[in-house]
Amino acid sequence: MGQSLIVHNPNFKEYYEKKKKEGMPYRKAMIALCNKLLRILYALLTKRQILMNHESLNKAYI
């Protein structure tokens, strides 16, 4: 799942690359990426919002 986030979403790709530059190994960076996705999904569910595109994701939750 994390790999497809990196390929298809520029915001998550940027976050992953930032974690890699910080010196995280691949597996740890992927876990951080998936945790970020979970935090975003939780926020969307608790606020009862719909995510329309990744541009709104960048403004609201990253």
C-alpha atoms as a PDB file:
ATOM      1  CA  MET A   1       0.000   0.000   0.000  1.00  0.00           C
ATOM      2  CA  GLY A   2       2.762   2.438   0.892  1.00  0.00           C
ATOM      3  CA  GLN A   3       4.524   1.944  -2.433  1.00  0.00           C
ATOM      4  CA  SER A   4       1.390   2.880  -4.386  1.00  0.00           C
ATOM      5  CA  LEU A   5       1.053   6.030  -2.255  1.00  0.00           C
ATOM      6  CA  ILE A   6       4.549   7.058  -3.283  1.00  0.00           C
ATOM      7  CA  VAL A   7       3.896   6.363  -6.969  1.00  0.00           C
ATOM      8  CA  HIS A   8       0.459   7.990  -7.267  1.00  0.00           C
ATOM      9  CA  ASN A   9       0.466  10.849  -4.756  1.00  0.00           C
ATOM     10  CA  PRO A  10       3.112  13.592  -4.875  1.00  0.00           C
ATOM     11  CA  ASN A  11       2.430  14.671  -1.275  1.00  0.00           C
ATOM     12  CA  PHE A  12       3.168  11.231   0.110  1.00  0.00           C
ATOM     13  CA  LYS A  13       6.170  10.867  -2.168  1.00  0.00           C
ATOM     14  CA  GLU A  14       7.596  14.102  -0.787  1.00  0.00           C
ATOM     15  CA  TYR A  15       6.962  12.925   2.786  1.00  0.00           C
ATOM     16  CA  TYR A  16       8.645   9.566   2.101  1.00  0.00           C
ATOM     17  CA  GLU A  17      11.688  11.230   0.540  1.00  0.00           C
ATOM     18  CA  LYS A  18      11.933  13.581   3.523  1.00  0.00           C
ATOM     19  CA  LYS A  19      11.996  10.603   5.893  1.00  0.00           C
ATOM     20  CA  LYS A  20      14.647   8.863   3.793  1.00  0.00           C
ATOM     21  CA  LYS A  21      16.815  12.014   3.867  1.00  0.00           C
ATOM     22  CA  GLU A  22      16.467  12.032   7.649  1.00  0.00           C
ATOM     23  CA  GLY A  23      18.255   8.684   7.580  1.00  0.00           C
ATOM     24  CA  MET A  24      15.367   6.291   8.091  1.00  0.00           C
ATOM     25  CA  PRO A  25      15.708   2.835   6.549  1.00  0.00           C
ATOM     26  CA  TYR A  26      13.132   1.789   3.932  1.00  0.00           C
ATOM     27  CA  ARG A  27      10.904  -0.182   6.298  1.00  0.00           C
ATOM     28  CA  LYS A  28      10.794   2.531   8.959  1.00  0.00           C
ATOM     29  CA  ALA A  29      10.043   5.230   6.365  1.00  0.00           C
ATOM     30  CA  MET A  30       7.196   3.108   4.978  1.00  0.00           C
ATOM     31  CA  ILE A  31       5.745   2.663   8.466  1.00  0.00           C
ATOM     32  CA  ALA A  32       5.889   6.438   8.991  1.00  0.00           C
ATOM     33  CA  LEU A  33       4.144   6.903   5.637  1.00  0.00           C
ATOM     34  CA  CYS A  34       1.368   4.452   6.510  1.00  0.00           C
ATOM     35  CA  ASN A  35       0.947   6.066   9.937  1.00  0.00           C
ATOM     36  CA  LYS A  36       0.472   9.398   8.194  1.00  0.00           C
ATOM     37  CA  LEU A  37      -2.207   7.857   5.986  1.00  0.00           C
ATOM     38  CA  LEU A  38      -3.961   6.437   9.050  1.00  0.00           C
ATOM     39  CA  ARG A  39      -3.921   9.827  10.796  1.00  0.00           C
ATOM     40  CA  ILE A  40      -5.445  11.452   7.707  1.00  0.00           C
ATOM     41  CA  LEU A  41      -8.124   8.770   7.384  1.00  0.00           C
ATOM     42  CA  TYR A  42      -8.987   9.065  11.069  1.00  0.00           C
ATOM     43  CA  ALA A  43      -9.309  12.856  10.773  1.00  0.00           C
ATOM     44  CA  LEU A  44     -11.558  12.511   7.732  1.00  0.00           C
ATOM     45  CA  LEU A  45     -13.789   9.982   9.478  1.00  0.00           C
ATOM     46  CA  THR A  46     -14.098  11.874  12.745  1.00  0.00           C
ATOM     47  CA  LYS A  47     -14.847  15.151  10.951  1.00  0.00           C
ATOM     48  CA  ARG A  48     -17.146  13.365   8.474  1.00  0.00           C
ATOM     49  CA  GLN A  49     -15.403  14.925   5.490  1.00  0.00           C
ATOM     50  CA  ILE A  50     -14.856  13.637   1.981  1.00  0.00           C
ATOM     51  CA  LEU A  51     -11.463  13.874   0.326  1.00  0.00           C
ATOM     52  CA  MET A  52     -11.959  14.898  -3.294  1.00  0.00           C
ATOM     53  CA  ASN A  53      -8.363  15.143  -4.567  1.00  0.00           C
ATOM     54  CA  HIS A  54      -4.790  15.178  -3.340  1.00  0.00           C
ATOM     55  CA  GLU A  55      -4.543  18.978  -3.597  1.00  0.00           C
ATOM     56  CA  SER A  56      -7.074  19.350  -0.792  1.00  0.00           C
ATOM     57  CA  LEU A  57      -5.118  16.734   1.148  1.00  0.00           C
ATOM     58  CA  ASN A  58      -2.027  18.932   0.989  1.00  0.00           C
ATOM     59  CA  LYS A  59      -3.853  21.984   2.323  1.00  0.00           C
ATOM     60  CA  ALA A  60      -5.840  20.300   5.048  1.00  0.00           C
ATOM     61  CA  TYR A  61      -3.855  17.506   6.632  1.00  0.00           C
ATOM     62  CA  ILE A  62      -0.182  17.550   5.720  1.00  0.00           C
END
